[in-house]
Amino acid sequence: MHWPLQRVAVAEQSMEPVLRPGDWLLVWRGLRHSRPPRIRPGQIVIAQHPARPDLLLVKRATGLEPGGWFLESDNATAAGVVDSWSFGPVPAGLIRGRMLLRYWPRRPH
């Protein structure tokens, strides 16, 4: 059975200030494993790196192009940022889910 929800930990600074290292995300993977979840521009998604299948990326989907989704970091000045500016559009089949919410840690407003 395919469980539609997954939890993912943020490990890098590329999505600051929205997401920080140590944040935990609840991710919607969709009801069917064979069909990627619906994505809209502006949503934060979890995707496999096109050249490194063992590496999951947390990025913002900024646009759908003929080759797939263009995924960008919110913090382009962070050291070692890896996104579509370095590897191009990500095929829809490599999108593993979209962020529903950040549930840990709670931060004061």
N, C-alpha and C. Protein backbone atom coordinates (compact mmCIF):
# COMPACT_ATOMS: atom_id res chain seq x y z
N MET A 1 0.84 -1.19 0.00
CA MET A 1 0.00 0.00 0.00
C MET A 1 0.89 1.24 0.00
N HIS A 2 0.50 2.22 -0.78
CA HIS A 2 1.23 3.49 -0.88
C HIS A 2 0.66 4.47 0.13
N TRP A 3 1.46 4.87 1.10
CA TRP A 3 1.02 5.85 2.09
C TRP A 3 1.16 7.24 1.48
N PRO A 4 0.09 8.06 1.47
CA PRO A 4 0.12 9.35 0.77
C PRO A 4 0.90 10.45 1.49
N LEU A 5 1.24 10.25 2.75
CA LEU A 5 1.96 11.26 3.51
C LEU A 5 3.36 10.78 3.85
N GLN A 6 4.28 11.72 3.94
CA GLN A 6 5.66 11.41 4.30
C GLN A 6 6.20 12.57 5.12
N ARG A 7 7.12 12.29 6.01
CA ARG A 7 7.77 13.38 6.73
C ARG A 7 9.19 13.53 6.20
N VAL A 8 9.64 14.77 6.11
CA VAL A 8 10.96 15.08 5.54
C VAL A 8 11.61 16.13 6.44
N ALA A 9 12.89 15.95 6.71
CA ALA A 9 13.65 16.92 7.50
C ALA A 9 14.40 17.86 6.56
N VAL A 10 14.41 19.13 6.88
CA VAL A 10 15.19 20.11 6.13
C VAL A 10 16.61 20.08 6.68
N ALA A 11 17.59 19.95 5.77
CA ALA A 11 18.98 19.81 6.22
C ALA A 11 19.86 21.00 5.85
N GLU A 12 19.48 21.77 4.85
CA GLU A 12 20.34 22.84 4.36
C GLU A 12 19.66 24.21 4.50
N GLN A 13 20.39 25.27 4.16
CA GLN A 13 19.91 26.64 4.31
C GLN A 13 19.32 27.23 3.03
N SER A 14 19.17 26.44 1.98
CA SER A 14 18.78 26.99 0.69
C SER A 14 17.35 27.53 0.63
N MET A 15 16.50 27.18 1.60
CA MET A 15 15.12 27.66 1.59
C MET A 15 14.84 28.68 2.70
N GLU A 16 15.89 29.19 3.33
CA GLU A 16 15.71 30.23 4.35
C GLU A 16 15.20 31.51 3.70
N PRO A 17 14.39 32.29 4.35
CA PRO A 17 13.96 32.19 5.74
C PRO A 17 12.70 31.36 5.96
N VAL A 18 12.07 30.87 4.90
CA VAL A 18 10.82 30.11 5.04
C VAL A 18 11.06 28.79 5.78
N LEU A 19 12.08 28.06 5.38
CA LEU A 19 12.43 26.79 6.01
C LEU A 19 13.88 26.84 6.46
N ARG A 20 14.13 26.27 7.63
CA ARG A 20 15.49 26.29 8.19
C ARG A 20 15.95 24.86 8.50
N PRO A 21 17.26 24.66 8.57
CA PRO A 21 17.74 23.33 8.97
C PRO A 21 17.12 22.93 10.31
N GLY A 22 16.66 21.69 10.39
CA GLY A 22 16.00 21.20 11.59
C GLY A 22 14.49 21.22 11.51
N ASP A 23 13.92 21.94 10.54
CA ASP A 23 12.47 21.93 10.35
C ASP A 23 12.03 20.56 9.83
N TRP A 24 10.86 20.13 10.24
CA TRP A 24 10.25 18.91 9.73
C TRP A 24 9.03 19.28 8.91
N LEU A 25 8.86 18.62 7.77
CA LEU A 25 7.77 18.90 6.86
C LEU A 25 6.86 17.70 6.72
N LEU A 26 5.57 17.96 6.59
CA LEU A 26 4.62 16.92 6.22
C LEU A 26 4.38 17.09 4.73
N VAL A 27 4.60 16.02 3.98
CA VAL A 27 4.60 16.07 2.51
C VAL A 27 3.49 15.19 1.96
N TRP A 28 2.72 15.75 1.03
CA TRP A 28 1.67 15.00 0.32
C TRP A 28 2.30 14.34 -0.91
N ARG A 29 2.29 13.00 -0.93
CA ARG A 29 2.88 12.25 -2.04
C ARG A 29 1.86 11.84 -3.09
N GLY A 30 0.59 12.00 -2.79
CA GLY A 30 -0.46 11.60 -3.72
C GLY A 30 -1.00 10.23 -3.36
N LEU A 31 -2.12 9.90 -3.95
CA LEU A 31 -2.77 8.62 -3.63
C LEU A 31 -2.20 7.46 -4.42
N ARG A 32 -1.68 7.74 -5.60
CA ARG A 32 -1.12 6.67 -6.43
C ARG A 32 0.37 6.89 -6.63
N HIS A 33 1.12 5.84 -6.40
CA HIS A 33 2.58 5.91 -6.54
C HIS A 33 2.99 6.19 -7.98
N SER A 34 2.21 5.71 -8.93
CA SER A 34 2.57 5.86 -10.34
C SER A 34 2.27 7.25 -10.90
N ARG A 35 1.56 8.06 -10.14
CA ARG A 35 1.19 9.40 -10.63
C ARG A 35 1.68 10.47 -9.66
N PRO A 36 2.55 11.38 -10.14
CA PRO A 36 3.05 12.42 -9.23
C PRO A 36 1.92 13.34 -8.76
N PRO A 37 2.08 13.94 -7.57
CA PRO A 37 1.05 14.86 -7.08
C PRO A 37 0.94 16.10 -7.96
N ARG A 38 -0.22 16.73 -7.92
CA ARG A 38 -0.40 17.97 -8.69
C ARG A 38 0.39 19.09 -8.03
N ILE A 39 1.09 19.82 -8.89
CA ILE A 39 1.95 20.90 -8.41
C ILE A 39 1.53 22.19 -9.11
N ARG A 40 1.57 23.29 -8.37
CA ARG A 40 1.33 24.61 -8.94
C ARG A 40 2.56 25.47 -8.70
N PRO A 41 2.82 26.42 -9.60
CA PRO A 41 3.94 27.33 -9.37
C PRO A 41 3.81 28.01 -8.02
N GLY A 42 4.93 28.11 -7.32
CA GLY A 42 4.97 28.74 -6.01
C GLY A 42 4.96 27.75 -4.86
N GLN A 43 4.55 26.51 -5.11
CA GLN A 43 4.52 25.52 -4.04
C GLN A 43 5.92 24.97 -3.75
N ILE A 44 6.15 24.58 -2.51
CA ILE A 44 7.40 23.93 -2.13
C ILE A 44 7.23 22.44 -2.35
N VAL A 45 8.20 21.85 -3.05
CA VAL A 45 8.11 20.44 -3.40
C VAL A 45 9.36 19.69 -2.93
N ILE A 46 9.22 18.38 -2.87
CA ILE A 46 10.32 17.48 -2.58
C ILE A 46 10.55 16.69 -3.86
N ALA A 47 11.79 16.67 -4.32
CA ALA A 47 12.12 16.01 -5.59
C ALA A 47 13.44 15.27 -5.46
N GLN A 48 13.59 14.24 -6.27
CA GLN A 48 14.87 13.57 -6.38
C GLN A 48 15.77 14.41 -7.26
N HIS A 49 17.04 14.49 -6.91
CA HIS A 49 18.02 15.17 -7.74
C HIS A 49 18.14 14.38 -9.04
N PRO A 50 18.10 15.04 -10.21
CA PRO A 50 18.14 14.32 -11.49
C PRO A 50 19.38 13.44 -11.69
N ALA A 51 20.52 13.84 -11.15
CA ALA A 51 21.75 13.07 -11.35
C ALA A 51 22.12 12.21 -10.14
N ARG A 52 21.48 12.47 -9.00
CA ARG A 52 21.78 11.72 -7.77
C ARG A 52 20.48 11.26 -7.13
N PRO A 53 19.94 10.11 -7.54
CA PRO A 53 18.64 9.65 -7.05
C PRO A 53 18.55 9.47 -5.54
N ASP A 54 19.69 9.34 -4.86
CA ASP A 54 19.69 9.19 -3.40
C ASP A 54 19.52 10.52 -2.67
N LEU A 55 19.56 11.64 -3.39
CA LEU A 55 19.49 12.96 -2.78
C LEU A 55 18.11 13.58 -3.01
N LEU A 56 17.43 13.89 -1.90
CA LEU A 56 16.14 14.59 -1.99
C LEU A 56 16.37 16.08 -1.86
N LEU A 57 15.64 16.84 -2.66
CA LEU A 57 15.71 18.30 -2.67
C LEU A 57 14.41 18.88 -2.15
N VAL A 58 14.49 19.95 -1.38
CA VAL A 58 13.33 20.73 -0.96
C VAL A 58 13.47 22.07 -1.66
N LYS A 59 12.59 22.34 -2.63
CA LYS A 59 12.71 23.54 -3.47
C LYS A 59 11.33 24.10 -3.79
N ARG A 60 11.33 25.32 -4.31
CA ARG A 60 10.09 25.96 -4.77
C ARG A 60 9.93 25.72 -6.27
N ALA A 61 8.76 25.21 -6.65
CA ALA A 61 8.45 25.02 -8.06
C ALA A 61 8.07 26.38 -8.64
N THR A 62 8.86 26.86 -9.60
CA THR A 62 8.61 28.21 -10.12
C THR A 62 7.97 28.20 -11.50
N GLY A 63 8.04 27.11 -12.21
CA GLY A 63 7.41 27.07 -13.52
C GLY A 63 7.54 25.72 -14.18
N LEU A 64 6.54 25.38 -14.98
CA LEU A 64 6.55 24.13 -15.73
C LEU A 64 7.07 24.41 -17.12
N GLU A 65 8.12 23.72 -17.50
CA GLU A 65 8.75 23.88 -18.81
C GLU A 65 8.61 22.58 -19.59
N PRO A 66 8.95 22.57 -20.88
CA PRO A 66 8.83 21.32 -21.65
C PRO A 66 9.60 20.15 -21.03
N GLY A 67 10.72 20.41 -20.35
CA GLY A 67 11.50 19.32 -19.76
C GLY A 67 11.11 18.96 -18.36
N GLY A 68 10.20 19.67 -17.75
CA GLY A 68 9.78 19.40 -16.38
C GLY A 68 9.64 20.67 -15.57
N TRP A 69 9.68 20.53 -14.26
CA TRP A 69 9.52 21.67 -13.36
C TRP A 69 10.84 22.35 -13.11
N PHE A 70 10.82 23.68 -13.13
CA PHE A 70 11.99 24.47 -12.76
C PHE A 70 11.89 24.68 -11.26
N LEU A 71 12.88 24.19 -10.51
CA LEU A 71 12.89 24.25 -9.05
C LEU A 71 13.98 25.20 -8.60
N GLU A 72 13.61 26.14 -7.73
CA GLU A 72 14.56 27.14 -7.26
C GLU A 72 14.64 27.18 -5.74
N SER A 73 15.79 27.62 -5.26
CA SER A 73 16.00 27.86 -3.83
C SER A 73 15.48 29.26 -3.51
N ASP A 74 14.95 29.44 -2.30
CA ASP A 74 14.53 30.77 -1.87
C ASP A 74 15.75 31.62 -1.50
N ASN A 75 16.81 30.96 -1.02
CA ASN A 75 18.01 31.65 -0.57
C ASN A 75 19.15 31.32 -1.54
N ALA A 76 19.19 32.01 -2.65
CA ALA A 76 20.18 31.72 -3.69
C ALA A 76 21.60 32.06 -3.26
N THR A 77 21.76 32.82 -2.17
CA THR A 77 23.10 33.20 -1.73
C THR A 77 23.70 32.19 -0.74
N ALA A 78 22.92 31.18 -0.34
CA ALA A 78 23.46 30.17 0.59
C ALA A 78 24.58 29.39 -0.09
N ALA A 79 25.57 29.02 0.67
CA ALA A 79 26.70 28.27 0.12
C ALA A 79 26.24 26.91 -0.39
N GLY A 80 26.71 26.54 -1.57
CA GLY A 80 26.43 25.22 -2.11
C GLY A 80 25.01 25.00 -2.60
N VAL A 81 24.30 26.06 -2.97
CA VAL A 81 22.92 25.92 -3.44
C VAL A 81 22.88 25.07 -4.71
N VAL A 82 21.97 24.09 -4.70
CA VAL A 82 21.78 23.19 -5.84
C VAL A 82 20.31 23.26 -6.23
N ASP A 83 20.04 23.77 -7.43
CA ASP A 83 18.66 23.83 -7.91
C ASP A 83 18.67 23.80 -9.44
N SER A 84 17.55 24.11 -10.06
CA SER A 84 17.45 24.01 -11.52
C SER A 84 18.39 24.95 -12.26
N TRP A 85 18.91 25.96 -11.58
CA TRP A 85 19.89 26.82 -12.24
C TRP A 85 21.17 26.04 -12.54
N SER A 86 21.41 24.96 -11.79
CA SER A 86 22.61 24.16 -12.03
C SER A 86 22.34 22.88 -12.81
N PHE A 87 21.13 22.30 -12.72
CA PHE A 87 20.87 21.04 -13.42
C PHE A 87 19.68 21.07 -14.35
N GLY A 88 19.00 22.18 -14.49
CA GLY A 88 17.88 22.30 -15.42
C GLY A 88 16.56 21.82 -14.84
N PRO A 89 15.52 21.77 -15.68
CA PRO A 89 14.20 21.35 -15.21
C PRO A 89 14.22 19.90 -14.70
N VAL A 90 13.38 19.64 -13.72
CA VAL A 90 13.27 18.30 -13.13
C VAL A 90 12.02 17.62 -13.71
N PRO A 91 12.18 16.44 -14.32
CA PRO A 91 11.02 15.73 -14.86
C PRO A 91 9.96 15.50 -13.79
N ALA A 92 8.70 15.57 -14.18
CA ALA A 92 7.59 15.41 -13.23
C ALA A 92 7.68 14.10 -12.46
N GLY A 93 8.21 13.06 -13.05
CA GLY A 93 8.34 11.78 -12.38
C GLY A 93 9.30 11.78 -11.21
N LEU A 94 10.15 12.80 -11.11
CA LEU A 94 11.09 12.91 -9.99
C LEU A 94 10.55 13.76 -8.84
N ILE A 95 9.37 14.36 -9.03
CA ILE A 95 8.73 15.11 -7.95
C ILE A 95 8.09 14.09 -7.03
N ARG A 96 8.52 14.06 -5.78
CA ARG A 96 8.05 13.06 -4.82
C ARG A 96 6.87 13.54 -3.99
N GLY A 97 6.66 14.85 -3.93
CA GLY A 97 5.53 15.36 -3.17
C GLY A 97 5.60 16.86 -3.01
N ARG A 98 4.55 17.41 -2.41
CA ARG A 98 4.51 18.85 -2.14
C ARG A 98 4.31 19.05 -0.64
N MET A 99 4.91 20.10 -0.14
CA MET A 99 4.83 20.38 1.29
C MET A 99 3.41 20.80 1.67
N LEU A 100 2.89 20.16 2.71
CA LEU A 100 1.60 20.57 3.27
C LEU A 100 1.81 21.56 4.41
N LEU A 101 2.76 21.23 5.30
CA LEU A 101 3.03 22.12 6.42
C LEU A 101 4.37 21.80 7.07
N ARG A 102 4.86 22.78 7.78
CA ARG A 102 6.03 22.58 8.64
C ARG A 102 5.47 22.34 10.03
N TYR A 103 5.85 21.22 10.66
CA TYR A 103 5.24 20.92 11.94
C TYR A 103 6.22 20.94 13.11
N TRP A 104 7.50 21.09 12.85
CA TRP A 104 8.45 21.12 13.95
C TRP A 104 9.71 21.80 13.48
N PRO A 105 10.40 22.54 14.23
CA PRO A 105 10.01 23.01 15.56
C PRO A 105 9.10 24.22 15.47
N ARG A 106 8.35 24.41 16.51
CA ARG A 106 7.50 25.62 16.56
C ARG A 106 8.39 26.80 16.90
N ARG A 107 8.17 27.88 16.21
CA ARG A 107 8.95 29.10 16.46
C ARG A 107 8.00 30.21 16.89
N PRO A 108 8.45 31.08 17.78
CA PRO A 108 7.61 32.23 18.15
C PRO A 108 7.43 33.16 16.96
N HIS A 109 6.30 33.84 16.93
CA HIS A 109 6.00 34.74 15.80
C HIS A 109 6.79 35.98 15.90
